[in-house]
Amino acid sequence: MQMESKHLTEIYRKSFHISSLLIPIGYRYLLLENRKLTLLIVIPLTILSFIIDYFRLENISFKKFFYRFFGLMLRKHEIRNFTGATYLMVSVVICIAFLPPQIAFVALACLAIGDSSAAIIGMPFGKRKFKGTSKSLEGSLACFVSTYIFALFFIHPVLAFVGAISTTIAELSHIQLDDNIKIPLVAGFSMLLVNIFV
């Protein structure tokens, strides 16, 4: 029963997490890949996210208020650290500031699609676990296939493959960074490097 509840909580988290697709979609289709205008919007939002996290960590009254609405969304390591939302906003700023628009769009979308697919498929159906982890082959395949198919619609097939495989490796890796930082930066800068030769 407890394991089922944990699965439902994680699926709820990832279902909400996939809504972060609105950021790259907004960048591409609403702001028309206008880097300066987008940064003028996302930098203040990133600062606001840091402020919210600061008060959540330092102010008991605000912490109680925050947990009443968002406590279910937090993982254990986020209780005494910044939330995934703050790390996500940092990634958004870095990707948009330093990556070509198409690559930034795909990298940020890969985070929302790949990370969510890995959990939504891997948790209920993942039978083949990687040694020493809770990650599964089924979850990793879901991550790769979903991001690869998505990326094919927007960038060169070689870059789509690089973006998908680097997203999958980053999601699977033991690197001690939040996925919201690790995945888009690894995927984005891997595609940027390969883009030199394509």
N, C-alpha and C. Protein backbone atom coordinates (compact mmCIF):
# COMPACT_ATOMS: atom_id res chain seq x y z
N MET A 1 0.84 -1.21 0.00
CA MET A 1 0.00 0.00 0.00
C MET A 1 0.87 1.25 0.00
N GLN A 2 1.94 1.21 0.83
CA GLN A 2 2.84 2.36 0.91
C GLN A 2 3.57 2.56 -0.41
N MET A 3 3.98 1.42 -1.05
CA MET A 3 4.68 1.51 -2.33
C MET A 3 3.76 2.06 -3.41
N GLU A 4 2.49 1.64 -3.39
CA GLU A 4 1.51 2.15 -4.36
C GLU A 4 1.30 3.64 -4.17
N SER A 5 1.23 4.08 -2.92
CA SER A 5 1.07 5.50 -2.62
C SER A 5 2.27 6.30 -3.11
N LYS A 6 3.47 5.71 -2.94
CA LYS A 6 4.69 6.36 -3.42
C LYS A 6 4.66 6.51 -4.94
N HIS A 7 4.20 5.47 -5.62
CA HIS A 7 4.10 5.52 -7.09
C HIS A 7 3.13 6.60 -7.53
N LEU A 8 1.98 6.67 -6.86
CA LEU A 8 0.98 7.68 -7.21
C LEU A 8 1.51 9.08 -6.99
N THR A 9 2.24 9.28 -5.88
CA THR A 9 2.83 10.58 -5.60
C THR A 9 3.83 10.97 -6.68
N GLU A 10 4.67 10.01 -7.09
CA GLU A 10 5.68 10.30 -8.11
C GLU A 10 5.04 10.58 -9.45
N ILE A 11 3.99 9.83 -9.80
CA ILE A 11 3.29 10.07 -11.05
C ILE A 11 2.63 11.45 -11.02
N TYR A 12 2.08 11.82 -9.87
CA TYR A 12 1.50 13.14 -9.73
C TYR A 12 2.56 14.22 -9.91
N ARG A 13 3.74 14.01 -9.31
CA ARG A 13 4.85 14.95 -9.45
C ARG A 13 5.25 15.11 -10.91
N LYS A 14 5.38 13.98 -11.61
CA LYS A 14 5.83 14.03 -12.98
C LYS A 14 4.76 14.57 -13.92
N SER A 15 3.51 14.30 -13.61
CA SER A 15 2.42 14.87 -14.42
C SER A 15 2.44 16.39 -14.31
N PHE A 16 2.71 16.88 -13.10
CA PHE A 16 2.84 18.32 -12.90
C PHE A 16 4.13 18.82 -13.55
N HIS A 17 5.18 18.00 -13.44
CA HIS A 17 6.49 18.36 -13.99
C HIS A 17 6.44 18.55 -15.49
N ILE A 18 5.62 17.74 -16.17
CA ILE A 18 5.57 17.83 -17.63
C ILE A 18 4.96 19.16 -18.08
N SER A 19 4.26 19.82 -17.15
CA SER A 19 3.70 21.13 -17.48
C SER A 19 4.81 22.17 -17.70
N SER A 20 6.05 21.82 -17.29
CA SER A 20 7.17 22.74 -17.55
C SER A 20 7.46 22.85 -19.05
N LEU A 21 6.81 22.01 -19.85
CA LEU A 21 6.88 22.16 -21.32
C LEU A 21 6.39 23.52 -21.76
N LEU A 22 5.55 24.14 -20.94
CA LEU A 22 5.03 25.46 -21.29
C LEU A 22 6.15 26.49 -21.43
N ILE A 23 7.28 26.26 -20.75
CA ILE A 23 8.38 27.22 -20.83
C ILE A 23 9.03 27.20 -22.21
N PRO A 24 9.53 26.05 -22.71
CA PRO A 24 10.09 26.06 -24.06
C PRO A 24 9.05 26.38 -25.14
N ILE A 25 7.81 25.93 -24.94
CA ILE A 25 6.77 26.24 -25.92
C ILE A 25 6.52 27.74 -25.96
N GLY A 26 6.47 28.37 -24.79
CA GLY A 26 6.28 29.82 -24.74
C GLY A 26 7.43 30.56 -25.39
N TYR A 27 8.64 30.08 -25.13
CA TYR A 27 9.84 30.70 -25.73
C TYR A 27 9.80 30.64 -27.25
N ARG A 28 9.42 29.49 -27.78
CA ARG A 28 9.43 29.29 -29.23
C ARG A 28 8.25 29.95 -29.94
N TYR A 29 7.05 29.76 -29.40
CA TYR A 29 5.85 30.13 -30.15
C TYR A 29 5.20 31.44 -29.70
N LEU A 30 5.37 31.82 -28.46
CA LEU A 30 4.79 33.08 -28.00
C LEU A 30 5.79 34.22 -28.07
N LEU A 31 7.02 33.96 -27.63
CA LEU A 31 8.05 35.00 -27.62
C LEU A 31 8.92 34.93 -28.87
N LEU A 32 8.62 33.98 -29.76
CA LEU A 32 9.28 33.86 -31.07
C LEU A 32 10.80 33.82 -30.94
N GLU A 33 11.27 33.12 -29.92
CA GLU A 33 12.69 32.91 -29.67
C GLU A 33 13.47 34.22 -29.50
N ASN A 34 12.77 35.20 -28.96
CA ASN A 34 13.40 36.49 -28.65
C ASN A 34 14.16 36.33 -27.33
N ARG A 35 15.47 36.17 -27.45
CA ARG A 35 16.30 35.84 -26.28
C ARG A 35 16.24 36.93 -25.21
N LYS A 36 16.40 38.19 -25.62
CA LYS A 36 16.44 39.29 -24.64
C LYS A 36 15.12 39.40 -23.89
N LEU A 37 14.02 39.36 -24.62
CA LEU A 37 12.71 39.48 -23.98
C LEU A 37 12.46 38.31 -23.04
N THR A 38 12.82 37.11 -23.48
CA THR A 38 12.62 35.92 -22.64
C THR A 38 13.43 36.02 -21.36
N LEU A 39 14.69 36.45 -21.47
CA LEU A 39 15.52 36.59 -20.27
C LEU A 39 14.99 37.66 -19.33
N LEU A 40 14.41 38.73 -19.90
CA LEU A 40 13.80 39.76 -19.06
C LEU A 40 12.64 39.22 -18.24
N ILE A 41 12.03 38.15 -18.74
CA ILE A 41 10.93 37.51 -18.01
C ILE A 41 11.44 36.45 -17.04
N VAL A 42 12.33 35.58 -17.52
CA VAL A 42 12.71 34.41 -16.69
C VAL A 42 13.72 34.74 -15.60
N ILE A 43 14.55 35.76 -15.80
CA ILE A 43 15.51 36.10 -14.74
C ILE A 43 14.79 36.60 -13.48
N PRO A 44 13.82 37.54 -13.58
CA PRO A 44 13.08 37.91 -12.36
C PRO A 44 12.33 36.74 -11.73
N LEU A 45 11.79 35.84 -12.57
CA LEU A 45 11.09 34.66 -12.03
C LEU A 45 12.05 33.74 -11.29
N THR A 46 13.28 33.65 -11.79
CA THR A 46 14.30 32.83 -11.13
C THR A 46 14.66 33.44 -9.78
N ILE A 47 14.84 34.74 -9.75
CA ILE A 47 15.13 35.43 -8.49
C ILE A 47 13.99 35.24 -7.49
N LEU A 48 12.75 35.36 -7.99
CA LEU A 48 11.57 35.15 -7.14
C LEU A 48 11.55 33.74 -6.56
N SER A 49 11.93 32.77 -7.38
CA SER A 49 11.97 31.38 -6.92
C SER A 49 13.00 31.19 -5.81
N PHE A 50 14.16 31.84 -5.96
CA PHE A 50 15.17 31.80 -4.90
C PHE A 50 14.65 32.44 -3.61
N ILE A 51 13.93 33.54 -3.75
CA ILE A 51 13.39 34.23 -2.57
C ILE A 51 12.37 33.36 -1.85
N ILE A 52 11.48 32.72 -2.62
CA ILE A 52 10.48 31.83 -2.03
C ILE A 52 11.15 30.68 -1.29
N ASP A 53 12.17 30.10 -1.93
CA ASP A 53 12.89 29.01 -1.27
C ASP A 53 13.59 29.48 0.00
N TYR A 54 14.16 30.66 -0.05
CA TYR A 54 14.84 31.19 1.13
C TYR A 54 13.87 31.31 2.31
N PHE A 55 12.70 31.91 2.06
CA PHE A 55 11.73 32.08 3.14
C PHE A 55 11.14 30.75 3.58
N ARG A 56 11.01 29.81 2.64
CA ARG A 56 10.53 28.48 3.00
C ARG A 56 11.50 27.78 3.95
N LEU A 57 12.77 28.00 3.73
CA LEU A 57 13.80 27.35 4.55
C LEU A 57 14.04 28.08 5.88
N GLU A 58 13.80 29.39 5.91
CA GLU A 58 14.18 30.19 7.07
C GLU A 58 13.01 30.65 7.94
N ASN A 59 11.81 30.70 7.38
CA ASN A 59 10.67 31.25 8.10
C ASN A 59 9.65 30.15 8.38
N ILE A 60 9.40 29.86 9.65
CA ILE A 60 8.54 28.75 10.04
C ILE A 60 7.11 28.94 9.55
N SER A 61 6.58 30.15 9.68
CA SER A 61 5.20 30.41 9.26
C SER A 61 5.03 30.22 7.77
N PHE A 62 5.99 30.75 7.00
CA PHE A 62 5.92 30.60 5.55
C PHE A 62 6.10 29.15 5.15
N LYS A 63 6.96 28.44 5.89
CA LYS A 63 7.19 27.01 5.61
C LYS A 63 5.89 26.22 5.76
N LYS A 64 5.14 26.49 6.82
CA LYS A 64 3.87 25.79 7.03
C LYS A 64 2.88 26.11 5.92
N PHE A 65 2.83 27.37 5.52
CA PHE A 65 1.94 27.79 4.43
C PHE A 65 2.34 27.09 3.13
N PHE A 66 3.62 27.05 2.86
CA PHE A 66 4.13 26.44 1.62
C PHE A 66 3.82 24.95 1.58
N TYR A 67 4.06 24.26 2.69
CA TYR A 67 3.89 22.81 2.73
C TYR A 67 2.41 22.42 2.64
N ARG A 68 1.53 23.30 3.07
CA ARG A 68 0.11 23.01 2.98
C ARG A 68 -0.31 22.82 1.53
N PHE A 69 0.29 23.59 0.64
CA PHE A 69 -0.10 23.54 -0.77
C PHE A 69 0.83 22.68 -1.63
N PHE A 70 2.12 22.66 -1.28
CA PHE A 70 3.09 22.00 -2.17
C PHE A 70 3.88 20.88 -1.51
N GLY A 71 3.54 20.54 -0.27
CA GLY A 71 4.31 19.53 0.46
C GLY A 71 4.36 18.19 -0.25
N LEU A 72 3.26 17.80 -0.89
CA LEU A 72 3.19 16.52 -1.59
C LEU A 72 4.18 16.45 -2.75
N MET A 73 4.53 17.61 -3.30
CA MET A 73 5.40 17.66 -4.48
C MET A 73 6.88 17.52 -4.13
N LEU A 74 7.23 17.72 -2.86
CA LEU A 74 8.65 17.77 -2.48
C LEU A 74 9.23 16.40 -2.21
N ARG A 75 10.46 16.21 -2.67
CA ARG A 75 11.22 15.01 -2.30
C ARG A 75 11.96 15.30 -1.00
N LYS A 76 12.52 14.23 -0.40
CA LYS A 76 13.19 14.38 0.89
C LYS A 76 14.33 15.39 0.83
N HIS A 77 15.13 15.34 -0.24
CA HIS A 77 16.29 16.23 -0.31
C HIS A 77 15.90 17.68 -0.52
N GLU A 78 14.62 17.93 -0.94
CA GLU A 78 14.17 19.30 -1.16
C GLU A 78 13.68 19.96 0.13
N ILE A 79 13.49 19.17 1.15
CA ILE A 79 12.97 19.72 2.41
C ILE A 79 13.96 20.71 3.02
N ARG A 80 15.27 20.42 2.89
CA ARG A 80 16.30 21.31 3.44
C ARG A 80 17.16 21.92 2.34
N ASN A 81 16.64 21.92 1.13
CA ASN A 81 17.41 22.45 0.00
C ASN A 81 16.45 23.18 -0.93
N PHE A 82 17.00 23.74 -2.00
CA PHE A 82 16.15 24.39 -2.99
C PHE A 82 15.26 23.37 -3.67
N THR A 83 14.11 23.81 -4.13
CA THR A 83 13.19 22.92 -4.83
C THR A 83 13.63 22.73 -6.28
N GLY A 84 13.06 21.70 -6.90
CA GLY A 84 13.33 21.46 -8.31
C GLY A 84 12.93 22.63 -9.18
N ALA A 85 11.91 23.37 -8.77
CA ALA A 85 11.45 24.52 -9.55
C ALA A 85 12.53 25.60 -9.66
N THR A 86 13.26 25.81 -8.59
CA THR A 86 14.33 26.80 -8.62
C THR A 86 15.46 26.34 -9.53
N TYR A 87 15.83 25.06 -9.42
CA TYR A 87 16.86 24.53 -10.31
C TYR A 87 16.41 24.59 -11.77
N LEU A 88 15.14 24.34 -12.00
CA LEU A 88 14.60 24.42 -13.36
C LEU A 88 14.77 25.83 -13.93
N MET A 89 14.45 26.83 -13.13
CA MET A 89 14.55 28.21 -13.61
C MET A 89 16.00 28.59 -13.90
N VAL A 90 16.94 28.08 -13.11
CA VAL A 90 18.36 28.32 -13.39
C VAL A 90 18.73 27.72 -14.73
N SER A 91 18.27 26.50 -15.00
CA SER A 91 18.53 25.85 -16.28
C SER A 91 17.93 26.63 -17.44
N VAL A 92 16.73 27.13 -17.24
CA VAL A 92 16.08 27.91 -18.29
C VAL A 92 16.92 29.12 -18.65
N VAL A 93 17.40 29.83 -17.64
CA VAL A 93 18.23 31.02 -17.88
C VAL A 93 19.50 30.65 -18.64
N ILE A 94 20.18 29.59 -18.19
CA ILE A 94 21.44 29.19 -18.83
C ILE A 94 21.21 28.74 -20.27
N CYS A 95 20.21 27.90 -20.47
CA CYS A 95 19.93 27.38 -21.82
C CYS A 95 19.58 28.50 -22.79
N ILE A 96 18.71 29.39 -22.38
CA ILE A 96 18.29 30.46 -23.28
C ILE A 96 19.41 31.46 -23.51
N ALA A 97 20.22 31.71 -22.50
CA ALA A 97 21.30 32.69 -22.63
C ALA A 97 22.45 32.18 -23.51
N PHE A 98 22.74 30.88 -23.45
CA PHE A 98 23.97 30.40 -24.08
C PHE A 98 23.79 29.41 -25.24
N LEU A 99 22.57 28.92 -25.44
CA LEU A 99 22.36 27.95 -26.51
C LEU A 99 21.56 28.56 -27.66
N PRO A 100 21.79 28.08 -28.89
CA PRO A 100 20.94 28.51 -30.01
C PRO A 100 19.48 28.18 -29.70
N PRO A 101 18.55 29.00 -30.17
CA PRO A 101 17.14 28.82 -29.80
C PRO A 101 16.58 27.42 -30.01
N GLN A 102 16.87 26.80 -31.17
CA GLN A 102 16.34 25.46 -31.42
C GLN A 102 16.86 24.44 -30.41
N ILE A 103 18.13 24.53 -30.11
CA ILE A 103 18.74 23.58 -29.16
C ILE A 103 18.23 23.85 -27.74
N ALA A 104 18.11 25.11 -27.37
CA ALA A 104 17.56 25.44 -26.05
C ALA A 104 16.14 24.91 -25.91
N PHE A 105 15.34 25.08 -26.95
CA PHE A 105 13.96 24.59 -26.95
C PHE A 105 13.91 23.08 -26.73
N VAL A 106 14.70 22.34 -27.50
CA VAL A 106 14.70 20.88 -27.40
C VAL A 106 15.25 20.42 -26.06
N ALA A 107 16.33 21.04 -25.59
CA ALA A 107 16.94 20.64 -24.32
C ALA A 107 15.95 20.79 -23.16
N LEU A 108 15.25 21.91 -23.11
CA LEU A 108 14.29 22.13 -22.03
C LEU A 108 13.08 21.22 -22.16
N ALA A 109 12.67 20.94 -23.40
CA ALA A 109 11.56 20.02 -23.62
C ALA A 109 11.96 18.60 -23.25
N CYS A 110 13.21 18.24 -23.52
CA CYS A 110 13.71 16.90 -23.16
C CYS A 110 13.62 16.66 -21.66
N LEU A 111 13.87 17.69 -20.88
CA LEU A 111 13.74 17.56 -19.43
C LEU A 111 12.31 17.18 -19.06
N ALA A 112 11.35 17.95 -19.56
CA ALA A 112 9.95 17.71 -19.20
C ALA A 112 9.47 16.36 -19.70
N ILE A 113 9.81 16.01 -20.94
CA ILE A 113 9.31 14.77 -21.54
C ILE A 113 10.07 13.55 -21.05
N GLY A 114 11.40 13.61 -21.09
CA GLY A 114 12.21 12.45 -20.75
C GLY A 114 12.13 12.06 -19.29
N ASP A 115 12.30 13.02 -18.41
CA ASP A 115 12.28 12.74 -16.97
C ASP A 115 10.91 12.22 -16.55
N SER A 116 9.86 12.80 -17.11
CA SER A 116 8.50 12.37 -16.78
C SER A 116 8.22 10.97 -17.32
N SER A 117 8.62 10.71 -18.57
CA SER A 117 8.39 9.39 -19.17
C SER A 117 9.11 8.30 -18.39
N ALA A 118 10.35 8.58 -17.98
CA ALA A 118 11.13 7.59 -17.24
C ALA A 118 10.42 7.17 -15.96
N ALA A 119 9.82 8.14 -15.26
CA ALA A 119 9.14 7.83 -14.00
C ALA A 119 7.77 7.20 -14.24
N ILE A 120 6.99 7.76 -15.17
CA ILE A 120 5.63 7.28 -15.40
C ILE A 120 5.61 5.85 -15.94
N ILE A 121 6.58 5.51 -16.78
CA ILE A 121 6.68 4.14 -17.30
C ILE A 121 7.52 3.26 -16.37
N GLY A 122 8.63 3.80 -15.89
CA GLY A 122 9.56 3.00 -15.09
C GLY A 122 9.02 2.53 -13.76
N MET A 123 8.26 3.38 -13.07
CA MET A 123 7.81 3.00 -11.72
C MET A 123 6.80 1.85 -11.74
N PRO A 124 5.77 1.89 -12.57
CA PRO A 124 4.84 0.76 -12.55
C PRO A 124 5.29 -0.46 -13.36
N PHE A 125 6.10 -0.22 -14.41
CA PHE A 125 6.45 -1.31 -15.33
C PHE A 125 7.92 -1.70 -15.31
N GLY A 126 8.74 -0.97 -14.57
CA GLY A 126 10.18 -1.23 -14.57
C GLY A 126 10.56 -2.46 -13.77
N LYS A 127 10.85 -3.55 -14.47
CA LYS A 127 11.21 -4.81 -13.81
C LYS A 127 12.72 -5.05 -13.83
N ARG A 128 13.41 -4.47 -14.79
CA ARG A 128 14.86 -4.71 -14.93
C ARG A 128 15.61 -3.51 -14.36
N LYS A 129 15.94 -3.59 -13.09
CA LYS A 129 16.59 -2.47 -12.40
C LYS A 129 18.09 -2.46 -12.68
N PHE A 130 18.64 -1.25 -12.83
CA PHE A 130 20.08 -1.11 -12.92
C PHE A 130 20.67 -1.29 -11.52
N LYS A 131 21.77 -1.98 -11.45
CA LYS A 131 22.37 -2.35 -10.17
C LYS A 131 22.63 -1.13 -9.29
N GLY A 132 22.15 -1.21 -8.07
CA GLY A 132 22.41 -0.17 -7.09
C GLY A 132 21.55 1.08 -7.24
N THR A 133 20.52 1.01 -8.11
CA THR A 133 19.66 2.18 -8.32
C THR A 133 18.20 1.75 -8.33
N SER A 134 17.33 2.76 -8.30
CA SER A 134 15.89 2.49 -8.47
C SER A 134 15.48 2.67 -9.92
N LYS A 135 16.45 2.99 -10.78
CA LYS A 135 16.19 3.20 -12.20
C LYS A 135 16.03 1.86 -12.91
N SER A 136 15.23 1.86 -13.97
CA SER A 136 14.99 0.62 -14.70
C SER A 136 15.27 0.79 -16.18
N LEU A 137 15.50 -0.35 -16.84
CA LEU A 137 15.70 -0.36 -18.28
C LEU A 137 14.46 0.16 -18.99
N GLU A 138 13.30 -0.23 -18.50
CA GLU A 138 12.05 0.19 -19.13
C GLU A 138 11.88 1.71 -19.04
N GLY A 139 12.21 2.28 -17.87
CA GLY A 139 12.12 3.73 -17.71
C GLY A 139 13.09 4.47 -18.60
N SER A 140 14.31 3.94 -18.72
CA SER A 140 15.32 4.58 -19.57
C SER A 140 14.94 4.51 -21.05
N LEU A 141 14.38 3.37 -21.46
CA LEU A 141 13.92 3.25 -22.85
C LEU A 141 12.78 4.23 -23.14
N ALA A 142 11.89 4.38 -22.17
CA ALA A 142 10.79 5.35 -22.33
C ALA A 142 11.32 6.76 -22.46
N CYS A 143 12.33 7.07 -21.65
CA CYS A 143 12.97 8.39 -21.71
C CYS A 143 13.58 8.62 -23.09
N PHE A 144 14.35 7.65 -23.57
CA PHE A 144 15.02 7.80 -24.86
C PHE A 144 14.03 7.91 -26.01
N VAL A 145 13.09 6.99 -26.08
CA VAL A 145 12.16 6.95 -27.21
C VAL A 145 11.31 8.22 -27.26
N SER A 146 10.79 8.65 -26.12
CA SER A 146 9.90 9.83 -26.10
C SER A 146 10.65 11.09 -26.50
N THR A 147 11.88 11.26 -25.99
CA THR A 147 12.63 12.48 -26.32
C THR A 147 13.14 12.45 -27.77
N TYR A 148 13.52 11.28 -28.24
CA TYR A 148 14.01 11.16 -29.62
C TYR A 148 12.90 11.48 -30.62
N ILE A 149 11.73 10.89 -30.42
CA ILE A 149 10.61 11.15 -31.33
C ILE A 149 10.24 12.63 -31.31
N PHE A 150 10.18 13.21 -30.12
CA PHE A 150 9.86 14.64 -30.02
C PHE A 150 10.90 15.48 -30.76
N ALA A 151 12.17 15.24 -30.49
CA ALA A 151 13.23 16.06 -31.06
C ALA A 151 13.30 15.97 -32.57
N LEU A 152 12.92 14.81 -33.13
CA LEU A 152 12.97 14.63 -34.58
C LEU A 152 12.11 15.66 -35.32
N PHE A 153 11.09 16.16 -34.68
CA PHE A 153 10.21 17.13 -35.33
C PHE A 153 10.83 18.52 -35.42
N PHE A 154 11.92 18.75 -34.68
CA PHE A 154 12.43 20.12 -34.57
C PHE A 154 13.89 20.30 -34.99
N ILE A 155 14.69 19.23 -34.93
CA ILE A 155 16.11 19.40 -35.24
C ILE A 155 16.61 18.24 -36.10
N HIS A 156 17.82 18.37 -36.58
CA HIS A 156 18.47 17.35 -37.40
C HIS A 156 18.43 16.00 -36.67
N PRO A 157 18.20 14.89 -37.40
CA PRO A 157 18.11 13.56 -36.76
C PRO A 157 19.32 13.20 -35.89
N VAL A 158 20.51 13.61 -36.33
CA VAL A 158 21.70 13.32 -35.53
C VAL A 158 21.64 14.06 -34.20
N LEU A 159 21.25 15.32 -34.25
CA LEU A 159 21.13 16.11 -33.01
C LEU A 159 20.00 15.57 -32.14
N ALA A 160 18.92 15.11 -32.79
CA ALA A 160 17.81 14.52 -32.03
C ALA A 160 18.29 13.29 -31.26
N PHE A 161 19.10 12.46 -31.93
CA PHE A 161 19.64 11.26 -31.28
C PHE A 161 20.56 11.65 -30.12
N VAL A 162 21.44 12.61 -30.36
CA VAL A 162 22.37 13.06 -29.31
C VAL A 162 21.60 13.63 -28.12
N GLY A 163 20.58 14.44 -28.41
CA GLY A 163 19.78 15.01 -27.34
C GLY A 163 19.07 13.94 -26.53
N ALA A 164 18.51 12.94 -27.23
CA ALA A 164 17.77 11.88 -26.55
C ALA A 164 18.70 10.98 -25.72
N ILE A 165 19.84 10.60 -26.30
CA ILE A 165 20.74 9.69 -25.58
C ILE A 165 21.40 10.40 -24.40
N SER A 166 21.74 11.69 -24.57
CA SER A 166 22.36 12.43 -23.46
C SER A 166 21.34 12.70 -22.36
N THR A 167 20.09 12.92 -22.73
CA THR A 167 19.03 13.07 -21.73
C THR A 167 18.89 11.79 -20.92
N THR A 168 18.89 10.66 -21.61
CA THR A 168 18.74 9.36 -20.96
C THR A 168 19.91 9.06 -20.02
N ILE A 169 21.13 9.34 -20.48
CA ILE A 169 22.31 9.10 -19.66
C ILE A 169 22.31 10.01 -18.43
N ALA A 170 21.95 11.28 -18.64
CA ALA A 170 21.91 12.24 -17.52
C ALA A 170 20.85 11.82 -16.50
N GLU A 171 19.69 11.37 -16.97
CA GLU A 171 18.61 10.96 -16.08
C GLU A 171 19.01 9.72 -15.28
N LEU A 172 19.84 8.88 -15.90
CA LEU A 172 20.25 7.62 -15.28
C LEU A 172 21.47 7.77 -14.37
N SER A 173 22.24 8.84 -14.58
CA SER A 173 23.54 8.97 -13.94
C SER A 173 23.44 9.23 -12.43
N HIS A 174 24.57 9.00 -11.76
CA HIS A 174 24.67 9.23 -10.31
C HIS A 174 25.25 10.60 -9.99
N ILE A 175 25.43 11.44 -10.99
CA ILE A 175 25.99 12.78 -10.75
C ILE A 175 25.12 13.52 -9.75
N GLN A 176 25.74 14.05 -8.71
CA GLN A 176 25.00 14.68 -7.62
C GLN A 176 24.55 16.09 -7.97
N LEU A 177 23.68 16.16 -8.97
CA LEU A 177 23.04 17.41 -9.35
C LEU A 177 21.56 17.14 -9.52
N ASP A 178 20.75 18.12 -9.26
CA ASP A 178 19.31 17.99 -9.49
C ASP A 178 19.06 17.72 -10.97
N ASP A 179 18.12 16.81 -11.27
CA ASP A 179 17.79 16.49 -12.67
C ASP A 179 17.42 17.72 -13.48
N ASN A 180 16.80 18.69 -12.83
CA ASN A 180 16.37 19.90 -13.53
C ASN A 180 17.54 20.77 -14.00
N ILE A 181 18.70 20.55 -13.41
CA ILE A 181 19.94 21.19 -13.86
C ILE A 181 20.67 20.25 -14.81
N LYS A 182 20.81 19.02 -14.37
CA LYS A 182 21.64 18.03 -15.07
C LYS A 182 21.14 17.72 -16.48
N ILE A 183 19.86 17.42 -16.61
CA ILE A 183 19.34 16.95 -17.90
C ILE A 183 19.40 18.00 -18.99
N PRO A 184 18.82 19.19 -18.81
CA PRO A 184 18.85 20.15 -19.92
C PRO A 184 20.25 20.64 -20.27
N LEU A 185 21.13 20.76 -19.27
CA LEU A 185 22.48 21.25 -19.57
C LEU A 185 23.31 20.19 -20.29
N VAL A 186 23.22 18.94 -19.85
CA VAL A 186 23.94 17.86 -20.53
C VAL A 186 23.41 17.70 -21.95
N ALA A 187 22.09 17.65 -22.09
CA ALA A 187 21.48 17.49 -23.42
C ALA A 187 21.80 18.69 -24.32
N GLY A 188 21.63 19.88 -23.79
CA GLY A 188 21.82 21.09 -24.59
C GLY A 188 23.25 21.28 -25.06
N PHE A 189 24.20 21.14 -24.15
CA PHE A 189 25.59 21.37 -24.54
C PHE A 189 26.17 20.20 -25.34
N SER A 190 25.61 19.00 -25.19
CA SER A 190 26.00 17.88 -26.05
C SER A 190 25.55 18.16 -27.49
N MET A 191 24.32 18.61 -27.64
CA MET A 191 23.82 18.95 -28.98
C MET A 191 24.59 20.11 -29.58
N LEU A 192 24.94 21.09 -28.75
CA LEU A 192 25.72 22.24 -29.24
C LEU A 192 27.05 21.79 -29.77
N LEU A 193 27.72 20.89 -29.08
CA LEU A 193 29.03 20.39 -29.50
C LEU A 193 28.92 19.63 -30.81
N VAL A 194 27.96 18.72 -30.90
CA VAL A 194 27.77 17.91 -32.11
C VAL A 194 27.33 18.77 -33.29
N ASN A 195 26.60 19.82 -32.99
CA ASN A 195 26.10 20.72 -34.03
C ASN A 195 27.22 21.34 -34.86
N ILE A 196 28.42 21.42 -34.29
CA ILE A 196 29.58 21.95 -35.02
C ILE A 196 29.90 21.08 -36.23
N PHE A 197 29.64 19.78 -36.11
CA PHE A 197 30.02 18.82 -37.15
C PHE A 197 28.87 18.39 -38.06
N VAL A 198 27.65 18.80 -37.72
CA VAL A 198 26.49 18.36 -38.53
C VAL A 198 26.22 19.34 -39.66
